[in-house]
Amino acid sequence: MGLLRSVLLLAVGVMMAAIVGSVIISWLRMFRVRVPYGNPLVRLIDDTANVMLRPIRNAIPVTGGGLDFSPLVALIILSILRAIILGLPI
């Protein structure tokens, strides 16, 4: 059971890191910092984060001001999942 728990925690951690990385990349692009779309690392981060963000974006519309709350919702879901895996009270 310890190995399964470790693998699940690793997967949750990788997904959280990808989502934070994707947010940072989008902020850099917003401030006109040149972040090439073809960069393999950028594509890996975006593709990994979009596995979870795409369904959330379909369920939660973007607000009128253009704010995307899907990364926040995804991080909350992943934090709850991590607490469940660790057996912490929610």
PDB file of N, CA and C in Angstrom:
ATOM      1  N   MET A   1       0.827  -1.195   0.000  1.00  0.00           N
ATOM      2  CA  MET A   1       0.000   0.000   0.000  1.00  0.00           C
ATOM      3  C   MET A   1       0.867   1.254   0.000  1.00  0.00           C
ATOM      4  N   GLY A   2       2.053   1.175   0.566  1.00  0.00           N
ATOM      5  CA  GLY A   2       2.937   2.326   0.621  1.00  0.00           C
ATOM      6  C   GLY A   2       3.403   2.767  -0.750  1.00  0.00           C
ATOM      7  N   LEU A   3       3.657   1.807  -1.643  1.00  0.00           N
ATOM      8  CA  LEU A   3       4.103   2.142  -2.994  1.00  0.00           C
ATOM      9  C   LEU A   3       2.993   2.839  -3.773  1.00  0.00           C
ATOM     10  N   LEU A   4       1.778   2.324  -3.663  1.00  0.00           N
ATOM     11  CA  LEU A   4       0.643   2.945  -4.354  1.00  0.00           C
ATOM     12  C   LEU A   4       0.424   4.371  -3.862  1.00  0.00           C
ATOM     13  N   ARG A   5       0.499   4.551  -2.566  1.00  0.00           N
ATOM     14  CA  ARG A   5       0.331   5.895  -1.982  1.00  0.00           C
ATOM     15  C   ARG A   5       1.415   6.840  -2.509  1.00  0.00           C
ATOM     16  N   SER A   6       2.649   6.356  -2.561  1.00  0.00           N
ATOM     17  CA  SER A   6       3.754   7.189  -3.044  1.00  0.00           C
ATOM     18  C   SER A   6       3.574   7.567  -4.514  1.00  0.00           C
ATOM     19  N   VAL A   7       3.136   6.622  -5.322  1.00  0.00           N
ATOM     20  CA  VAL A   7       2.920   6.890  -6.743  1.00  0.00           C
ATOM     21  C   VAL A   7       1.786   7.900  -6.921  1.00  0.00           C
ATOM     22  N   LEU A   8       0.706   7.735  -6.173  1.00  0.00           N
ATOM     23  CA  LEU A   8      -0.414   8.676  -6.266  1.00  0.00           C
ATOM     24  C   LEU A   8       0.002  10.074  -5.820  1.00  0.00           C
ATOM     25  N   LEU A   9       0.761  10.160  -4.740  1.00  0.00           N
ATOM     26  CA  LEU A   9       1.234  11.468  -4.271  1.00  0.00           C
ATOM     27  C   LEU A   9       2.166  12.119  -5.289  1.00  0.00           C
ATOM     28  N   LEU A  10       3.003  11.308  -5.924  1.00  0.00           N
ATOM     29  CA  LEU A  10       3.887  11.825  -6.967  1.00  0.00           C
ATOM     30  C   LEU A  10       3.073  12.362  -8.144  1.00  0.00           C
ATOM     31  N   ALA A  11       2.058  11.622  -8.555  1.00  0.00           N
ATOM     32  CA  ALA A  11       1.211  12.061  -9.670  1.00  0.00           C
ATOM     33  C   ALA A  11       0.491  13.365  -9.336  1.00  0.00           C
ATOM     34  N   VAL A  12      -0.025  13.470  -8.121  1.00  0.00           N
ATOM     35  CA  VAL A  12      -0.707  14.690  -7.697  1.00  0.00           C
ATOM     36  C   VAL A  12       0.290  15.854  -7.667  1.00  0.00           C
ATOM     37  N   GLY A  13       1.481  15.612  -7.154  1.00  0.00           N
ATOM     38  CA  GLY A  13       2.505  16.654  -7.095  1.00  0.00           C
ATOM     39  C   GLY A  13       2.943  17.123  -8.467  1.00  0.00           C
ATOM     40  N   VAL A  14       3.106  16.198  -9.396  1.00  0.00           N
ATOM     41  CA  VAL A  14       3.489  16.555 -10.763  1.00  0.00           C
ATOM     42  C   VAL A  14       2.389  17.388 -11.415  1.00  0.00           C
ATOM     43  N   MET A  15       1.131  16.986 -11.205  1.00  0.00           N
ATOM     44  CA  MET A  15       0.017  17.739 -11.790  1.00  0.00           C
ATOM     45  C   MET A  15      -0.064  19.141 -11.195  1.00  0.00           C
ATOM     46  N   MET A  16       0.138  19.264  -9.883  1.00  0.00           N
ATOM     47  CA  MET A  16       0.112  20.584  -9.243  1.00  0.00           C
ATOM     48  C   MET A  16       1.236  21.466  -9.788  1.00  0.00           C
ATOM     49  N   ALA A  17       2.416  20.898  -9.930  1.00  0.00           N
ATOM     50  CA  ALA A  17       3.553  21.661 -10.460  1.00  0.00           C
ATOM     51  C   ALA A  17       3.292  22.086 -11.904  1.00  0.00           C
ATOM     52  N   ALA A  18       2.690  21.208 -12.696  1.00  0.00           N
ATOM     53  CA  ALA A  18       2.389  21.550 -14.092  1.00  0.00           C
ATOM     54  C   ALA A  18       1.364  22.677 -14.163  1.00  0.00           C
ATOM     55  N   ILE A  19       0.373  22.652 -13.281  1.00  0.00           N
ATOM     56  CA  ILE A  19      -0.640  23.708 -13.290  1.00  0.00           C
ATOM     57  C   ILE A  19      -0.021  25.038 -12.892  1.00  0.00           C
ATOM     58  N   VAL A  20       0.796  25.046 -11.853  1.00  0.00           N
ATOM     59  CA  VAL A  20       1.466  26.293 -11.443  1.00  0.00           C
ATOM     60  C   VAL A  20       2.392  26.775 -12.556  1.00  0.00           C
ATOM     61  N   GLY A  21       3.114  25.862 -13.170  1.00  0.00           N
ATOM     62  CA  GLY A  21       3.985  26.238 -14.289  1.00  0.00           C
ATOM     63  C   GLY A  21       3.204  26.809 -15.458  1.00  0.00           C
ATOM     64  N   SER A  22       2.062  26.232 -15.756  1.00  0.00           N
ATOM     65  CA  SER A  22       1.223  26.722 -16.836  1.00  0.00           C
ATOM     66  C   SER A  22       0.699  28.132 -16.544  1.00  0.00           C
ATOM     67  N   VAL A  23       0.341  28.374 -15.293  1.00  0.00           N
ATOM     68  CA  VAL A  23      -0.116  29.715 -14.898  1.00  0.00           C
ATOM     69  C   VAL A  23       1.016  30.723 -15.064  1.00  0.00           C
ATOM     70  N   ILE A  24       2.209  30.365 -14.619  1.00  0.00           N
ATOM     71  CA  ILE A  24       3.355  31.272 -14.746  1.00  0.00           C
ATOM     72  C   ILE A  24       3.661  31.554 -16.210  1.00  0.00           C
ATOM     73  N   ILE A  25       3.601  30.524 -17.054  1.00  0.00           N
ATOM     74  CA  ILE A  25       3.843  30.717 -18.481  1.00  0.00           C
ATOM     75  C   ILE A  25       2.797  31.652 -19.079  1.00  0.00           C
ATOM     76  N   SER A  26       1.541  31.487 -18.683  1.00  0.00           N
ATOM     77  CA  SER A  26       0.497  32.367 -19.231  1.00  0.00           C
ATOM     78  C   SER A  26       0.695  33.803 -18.757  1.00  0.00           C
ATOM     79  N   TRP A  27       1.148  33.987 -17.519  1.00  0.00           N
ATOM     80  CA  TRP A  27       1.443  35.343 -17.038  1.00  0.00           C
ATOM     81  C   TRP A  27       2.594  35.962 -17.816  1.00  0.00           C
ATOM     82  N   LEU A  28       3.633  35.173 -18.072  1.00  0.00           N
ATOM     83  CA  LEU A  28       4.760  35.681 -18.844  1.00  0.00           C
ATOM     84  C   LEU A  28       4.308  36.111 -20.233  1.00  0.00           C
ATOM     85  N   ARG A  29       3.468  35.303 -20.857  1.00  0.00           N
ATOM     86  CA  ARG A  29       2.952  35.660 -22.177  1.00  0.00           C
ATOM     87  C   ARG A  29       2.097  36.918 -22.115  1.00  0.00           C
ATOM     88  N   MET A  30       1.327  37.065 -21.032  1.00  0.00           N
ATOM     89  CA  MET A  30       0.472  38.236 -20.871  1.00  0.00           C
ATOM     90  C   MET A  30       1.310  39.510 -20.773  1.00  0.00           C
ATOM     91  N   PHE A  31       2.482  39.409 -20.143  1.00  0.00           N
ATOM     92  CA  PHE A  31       3.372  40.562 -20.013  1.00  0.00           C
ATOM     93  C   PHE A  31       4.359  40.640 -21.173  1.00  0.00           C
ATOM     94  N   ARG A  32       4.037  39.944 -22.260  1.00  0.00           N
ATOM     95  CA  ARG A  32       4.778  39.985 -23.511  1.00  0.00           C
ATOM     96  C   ARG A  32       6.222  39.501 -23.404  1.00  0.00           C
ATOM     97  N   VAL A  33       6.463  38.601 -22.460  1.00  0.00           N
ATOM     98  CA  VAL A  33       7.760  37.930 -22.403  1.00  0.00           C
ATOM     99  C   VAL A  33       7.709  36.824 -23.455  1.00  0.00           C
ATOM    100  N   ARG A  34       8.740  36.721 -24.227  1.00  0.00           N
ATOM    101  CA  ARG A  34       8.752  35.741 -25.321  1.00  0.00           C
ATOM    102  C   ARG A  34       8.938  34.330 -24.765  1.00  0.00           C
ATOM    103  N   VAL A  35       7.858  33.562 -24.791  1.00  0.00           N
ATOM    104  CA  VAL A  35       7.888  32.154 -24.398  1.00  0.00           C
ATOM    105  C   VAL A  35       7.448  31.356 -25.622  1.00  0.00           C
ATOM    106  N   PRO A  36       8.386  30.699 -26.299  1.00  0.00           N
ATOM    107  CA  PRO A  36       8.043  30.033 -27.558  1.00  0.00           C
ATOM    108  C   PRO A  36       7.080  28.858 -27.353  1.00  0.00           C
ATOM    109  N   TYR A  37       6.044  28.820 -28.186  1.00  0.00           N
ATOM    110  CA  TYR A  37       5.060  27.743 -28.099  1.00  0.00           C
ATOM    111  C   TYR A  37       5.655  26.397 -28.484  1.00  0.00           C
ATOM    112  N   GLY A  38       6.658  26.410 -29.335  1.00  0.00           N
ATOM    113  CA  GLY A  38       7.240  25.165 -29.801  1.00  0.00           C
ATOM    114  C   GLY A  38       8.258  24.548 -28.851  1.00  0.00           C
ATOM    115  N   ASN A  39       8.597  25.241 -27.781  1.00  0.00           N
ATOM    116  CA  ASN A  39       9.569  24.722 -26.822  1.00  0.00           C
ATOM    117  C   ASN A  39       9.027  23.428 -26.211  1.00  0.00           C
ATOM    118  N   PRO A  40       9.810  22.339 -26.257  1.00  0.00           N
ATOM    119  CA  PRO A  40       9.316  21.060 -25.736  1.00  0.00           C
ATOM    120  C   PRO A  40       8.928  21.110 -24.250  1.00  0.00           C
ATOM    121  N   LEU A  41       9.666  21.858 -23.452  1.00  0.00           N
ATOM    122  CA  LEU A  41       9.337  21.944 -22.031  1.00  0.00           C
ATOM    123  C   LEU A  41       8.021  22.687 -21.813  1.00  0.00           C
ATOM    124  N   VAL A  42       7.835  23.775 -22.552  1.00  0.00           N
ATOM    125  CA  VAL A  42       6.585  24.539 -22.447  1.00  0.00           C
ATOM    126  C   VAL A  42       5.415  23.683 -22.900  1.00  0.00           C
ATOM    127  N   ARG A  43       5.589  22.947 -23.984  1.00  0.00           N
ATOM    128  CA  ARG A  43       4.517  22.066 -24.463  1.00  0.00           C
ATOM    129  C   ARG A  43       4.217  20.969 -23.464  1.00  0.00           C
ATOM    130  N   LEU A  44       5.248  20.395 -22.846  1.00  0.00           N
ATOM    131  CA  LEU A  44       5.041  19.353 -21.840  1.00  0.00           C
ATOM    132  C   LEU A  44       4.254  19.888 -20.652  1.00  0.00           C
ATOM    133  N   ILE A  45       4.627  21.065 -20.171  1.00  0.00           N
ATOM    134  CA  ILE A  45       3.924  21.674 -19.034  1.00  0.00           C
ATOM    135  C   ILE A  45       2.474  21.962 -19.400  1.00  0.00           C
ATOM    136  N   ASP A  46       2.253  22.596 -20.553  1.00  0.00           N
ATOM    137  CA  ASP A  46       0.892  22.934 -20.971  1.00  0.00           C
ATOM    138  C   ASP A  46       0.043  21.683 -21.214  1.00  0.00           C
ATOM    139  N   ASP A  47       0.613  20.695 -21.879  1.00  0.00           N
ATOM    140  CA  ASP A  47      -0.148  19.470 -22.159  1.00  0.00           C
ATOM    141  C   ASP A  47      -0.501  18.734 -20.874  1.00  0.00           C
ATOM    142  N   THR A  48       0.438  18.680 -19.935  1.00  0.00           N
ATOM    143  CA  THR A  48       0.176  18.004 -18.664  1.00  0.00           C
ATOM    144  C   THR A  48      -0.893  18.735 -17.872  1.00  0.00           C
ATOM    145  N   ALA A  49      -0.803  20.045 -17.804  1.00  0.00           N
ATOM    146  CA  ALA A  49      -1.789  20.828 -17.052  1.00  0.00           C
ATOM    147  C   ALA A  49      -3.160  20.759 -17.715  1.00  0.00           C
ATOM    148  N   ASN A  50      -3.202  20.769 -19.037  1.00  0.00           N
ATOM    149  CA  ASN A  50      -4.486  20.761 -19.739  1.00  0.00           C
ATOM    150  C   ASN A  50      -5.261  19.471 -19.578  1.00  0.00           C
ATOM    151  N   VAL A  51      -4.599  18.395 -19.181  1.00  0.00           N
ATOM    152  CA  VAL A  51      -5.319  17.152 -18.908  1.00  0.00           C
ATOM    153  C   VAL A  51      -6.387  17.397 -17.842  1.00  0.00           C
ATOM    154  N   MET A  52      -6.071  18.194 -16.846  1.00  0.00           N
ATOM    155  CA  MET A  52      -7.036  18.486 -15.785  1.00  0.00           C
ATOM    156  C   MET A  52      -7.784  19.795 -16.023  1.00  0.00           C
ATOM    157  N   LEU A  53      -7.131  20.767 -16.630  1.00  0.00           N
ATOM    158  CA  LEU A  53      -7.757  22.084 -16.779  1.00  0.00           C
ATOM    159  C   LEU A  53      -8.852  22.106 -17.844  1.00  0.00           C
ATOM    160  N   ARG A  54      -8.693  21.344 -18.903  1.00  0.00           N
ATOM    161  CA  ARG A  54      -9.665  21.396 -20.002  1.00  0.00           C
ATOM    162  C   ARG A  54     -11.085  21.027 -19.539  1.00  0.00           C
ATOM    163  N   PRO A  55     -11.290  19.926 -18.809  1.00  0.00           N
ATOM    164  CA  PRO A  55     -12.656  19.627 -18.361  1.00  0.00           C
ATOM    165  C   PRO A  55     -13.215  20.686 -17.401  1.00  0.00           C
ATOM    166  N   ILE A  56     -12.347  21.246 -16.579  1.00  0.00           N
ATOM    167  CA  ILE A  56     -12.802  22.286 -15.650  1.00  0.00           C
ATOM    168  C   ILE A  56     -13.175  23.542 -16.425  1.00  0.00           C
ATOM    169  N   ARG A  57     -12.396  23.885 -17.435  1.00  0.00           N
ATOM    170  CA  ARG A  57     -12.718  25.062 -18.264  1.00  0.00           C
ATOM    171  C   ARG A  57     -14.036  24.879 -18.999  1.00  0.00           C
ATOM    172  N   ASN A  58     -14.339  23.653 -19.385  1.00  0.00           N
ATOM    173  CA  ASN A  58     -15.620  23.393 -20.050  1.00  0.00           C
ATOM    174  C   ASN A  58     -16.787  23.547 -19.084  1.00  0.00           C
ATOM    175  N   ALA A  59     -16.554  23.253 -17.804  1.00  0.00           N
ATOM    176  CA  ALA A  59     -17.624  23.329 -16.808  1.00  0.00           C
ATOM    177  C   ALA A  59     -17.790  24.725 -16.230  1.00  0.00           C
ATOM    178  N   ILE A  60     -16.680  25.469 -16.124  1.00  0.00           N
ATOM    179  CA  ILE A  60     -16.720  26.807 -15.529  1.00  0.00           C
ATOM    180  C   ILE A  60     -16.371  27.821 -16.604  1.00  0.00           C
ATOM    181  N   PRO A  61     -17.310  28.688 -16.957  1.00  0.00           N
ATOM    182  CA  PRO A  61     -17.001  29.675 -17.992  1.00  0.00           C
ATOM    183  C   PRO A  61     -16.020  30.735 -17.488  1.00  0.00           C
ATOM    184  N   VAL A  62     -15.294  31.325 -18.419  1.00  0.00           N
ATOM    185  CA  VAL A  62     -14.375  32.419 -18.095  1.00  0.00           C
ATOM    186  C   VAL A  62     -15.214  33.633 -17.719  1.00  0.00           C
ATOM    187  N   THR A  63     -14.791  34.364 -16.692  1.00  0.00           N
ATOM    188  CA  THR A  63     -15.553  35.532 -16.241  1.00  0.00           C
ATOM    189  C   THR A  63     -15.473  36.648 -17.272  1.00  0.00           C
ATOM    190  N   GLY A  64     -16.316  37.647 -17.095  1.00  0.00           N
ATOM    191  CA  GLY A  64     -16.373  38.768 -18.029  1.00  0.00           C
ATOM    192  C   GLY A  64     -15.061  39.501 -18.173  1.00  0.00           C
ATOM    193  N   GLY A  65     -14.260  39.548 -17.118  1.00  0.00           N
ATOM    194  CA  GLY A  65     -12.979  40.245 -17.173  1.00  0.00           C
ATOM    195  C   GLY A  65     -11.870  39.410 -17.759  1.00  0.00           C
ATOM    196  N   GLY A  66     -12.178  38.203 -18.208  1.00  0.00           N
ATOM    197  CA  GLY A  66     -11.170  37.342 -18.801  1.00  0.00           C
ATOM    198  C   GLY A  66     -10.400  36.512 -17.791  1.00  0.00           C
ATOM    199  N   LEU A  67     -10.877  36.479 -16.547  1.00  0.00           N
ATOM    200  CA  LEU A  67     -10.191  35.685 -15.518  1.00  0.00           C
ATOM    201  C   LEU A  67     -10.558  34.214 -15.659  1.00  0.00           C
ATOM    202  N   ASP A  68      -9.554  33.377 -15.591  1.00  0.00           N
ATOM    203  CA  ASP A  68      -9.743  31.934 -15.695  1.00  0.00           C
ATOM    204  C   ASP A  68      -9.502  31.334 -14.314  1.00  0.00           C
ATOM    205  N   PHE A  69     -10.557  30.859 -13.693  1.00  0.00           N
ATOM    206  CA  PHE A  69     -10.453  30.292 -12.354  1.00  0.00           C
ATOM    207  C   PHE A  69     -10.179  28.787 -12.362  1.00  0.00           C
ATOM    208  N   SER A  70     -10.045  28.185 -13.540  1.00  0.00           N
ATOM    209  CA  SER A  70      -9.846  26.743 -13.601  1.00  0.00           C
ATOM    210  C   SER A  70      -8.564  26.274 -12.904  1.00  0.00           C
ATOM    211  N   PRO A  71      -7.434  27.003 -12.962  1.00  0.00           N
ATOM    212  CA  PRO A  71      -6.266  26.536 -12.203  1.00  0.00           C
ATOM    213  C   PRO A  71      -6.515  26.538 -10.699  1.00  0.00           C
ATOM    214  N   LEU A  72      -7.235  27.530 -10.201  1.00  0.00           N
ATOM    215  CA  LEU A  72      -7.544  27.581  -8.772  1.00  0.00           C
ATOM    216  C   LEU A  72      -8.433  26.399  -8.372  1.00  0.00           C
ATOM    217  N   VAL A  73      -9.448  26.125  -9.170  1.00  0.00           N
ATOM    218  CA  VAL A  73     -10.339  24.995  -8.886  1.00  0.00           C
ATOM    219  C   VAL A  73      -9.554  23.685  -8.946  1.00  0.00           C
ATOM    220  N   ALA A  74      -8.694  23.540  -9.939  1.00  0.00           N
ATOM    221  CA  ALA A  74      -7.901  22.316 -10.079  1.00  0.00           C
ATOM    222  C   ALA A  74      -6.969  22.123  -8.886  1.00  0.00           C
ATOM    223  N   LEU A  75      -6.324  23.206  -8.430  1.00  0.00           N
ATOM    224  CA  LEU A  75      -5.417  23.089  -7.283  1.00  0.00           C
ATOM    225  C   LEU A  75      -6.179  22.750  -6.006  1.00  0.00           C
ATOM    226  N   ILE A  76      -7.382  23.264  -5.858  1.00  0.00           N
ATOM    227  CA  ILE A  76      -8.200  22.913  -4.693  1.00  0.00           C
ATOM    228  C   ILE A  76      -8.578  21.434  -4.743  1.00  0.00           C
ATOM    229  N   ILE A  77      -9.000  20.959  -5.915  1.00  0.00           N
ATOM    230  CA  ILE A  77      -9.350  19.541  -6.062  1.00  0.00           C
ATOM    231  C   ILE A  77      -8.148  18.659  -5.773  1.00  0.00           C
ATOM    232  N   LEU A  78      -6.982  19.030  -6.312  1.00  0.00           N
ATOM    233  CA  LEU A  78      -5.773  18.232  -6.088  1.00  0.00           C
ATOM    234  C   LEU A  78      -5.339  18.272  -4.618  1.00  0.00           C
ATOM    235  N   SER A  79      -5.529  19.400  -3.957  1.00  0.00           N
ATOM    236  CA  SER A  79      -5.192  19.492  -2.534  1.00  0.00           C
ATOM    237  C   SER A  79      -6.091  18.590  -1.700  1.00  0.00           C
ATOM    238  N   ILE A  80      -7.372  18.547  -2.042  1.00  0.00           N
ATOM    239  CA  ILE A  80      -8.300  17.654  -1.339  1.00  0.00           C
ATOM    240  C   ILE A  80      -7.934  16.199  -1.600  1.00  0.00           C
ATOM    241  N   LEU A  81      -7.612  15.882  -2.848  1.00  0.00           N
ATOM    242  CA  LEU A  81      -7.194  14.520  -3.194  1.00  0.00           C
ATOM    243  C   LEU A  81      -5.928  14.128  -2.442  1.00  0.00           C
ATOM    244  N   ARG A  82      -4.994  15.046  -2.349  1.00  0.00           N
ATOM    245  CA  ARG A  82      -3.744  14.778  -1.613  1.00  0.00           C
ATOM    246  C   ARG A  82      -4.026  14.516  -0.141  1.00  0.00           C
ATOM    247  N   ALA A  83      -4.936  15.288   0.453  1.00  0.00           N
ATOM    248  CA  ALA A  83      -5.301  15.083   1.861  1.00  0.00           C
ATOM    249  C   ALA A  83      -5.962  13.729   2.044  1.00  0.00           C
ATOM    250  N   ILE A  84      -6.789  13.320   1.107  1.00  0.00           N
ATOM    251  CA  ILE A  84      -7.448  12.013   1.201  1.00  0.00           C
ATOM    252  C   ILE A  84      -6.396  10.908   1.127  1.00  0.00           C
ATOM    253  N   ILE A  85      -5.452  11.033   0.193  1.00  0.00           N
ATOM    254  CA  ILE A  85      -4.393  10.016   0.040  1.00  0.00           C
ATOM    255  C   ILE A  85      -3.568   9.924   1.324  1.00  0.00           C
ATOM    256  N   LEU A  86      -3.264  11.066   1.925  1.00  0.00           N
ATOM    257  CA  LEU A  86      -2.468  11.078   3.157  1.00  0.00           C
ATOM    258  C   LEU A  86      -3.281  10.686   4.385  1.00  0.00           C
ATOM    259  N   GLY A  87      -4.602  10.635   4.249  1.00  0.00           N
ATOM    260  CA  GLY A  87      -5.449  10.271   5.378  1.00  0.00           C
ATOM    261  C   GLY A  87      -5.655  11.408   6.340  1.00  0.00           C
ATOM    262  N   LEU A  88      -5.515  12.648   5.863  1.00  0.00           N
ATOM    263  CA  LEU A  88      -5.711  13.811   6.720  1.00  0.00           C
ATOM    264  C   LEU A  88      -7.193  14.175   6.764  1.00  0.00           C
ATOM    265  N   PRO A  89      -7.638  14.743   7.861  1.00  0.00           N
ATOM    266  CA  PRO A  89      -9.032  15.212   7.903  1.00  0.00           C
ATOM    267  C   PRO A  89      -9.197  16.417   6.978  1.00  0.00           C
ATOM    268  N   ILE A  90     -10.301  16.445   6.289  1.00  0.00           N
ATOM    269  CA  ILE A  90     -10.527  17.519   5.313  1.00  0.00           C
ATOM    270  C   ILE A  90     -11.318  18.637   5.947  1.00  0.00           C
TER     271      ILE A  90
END
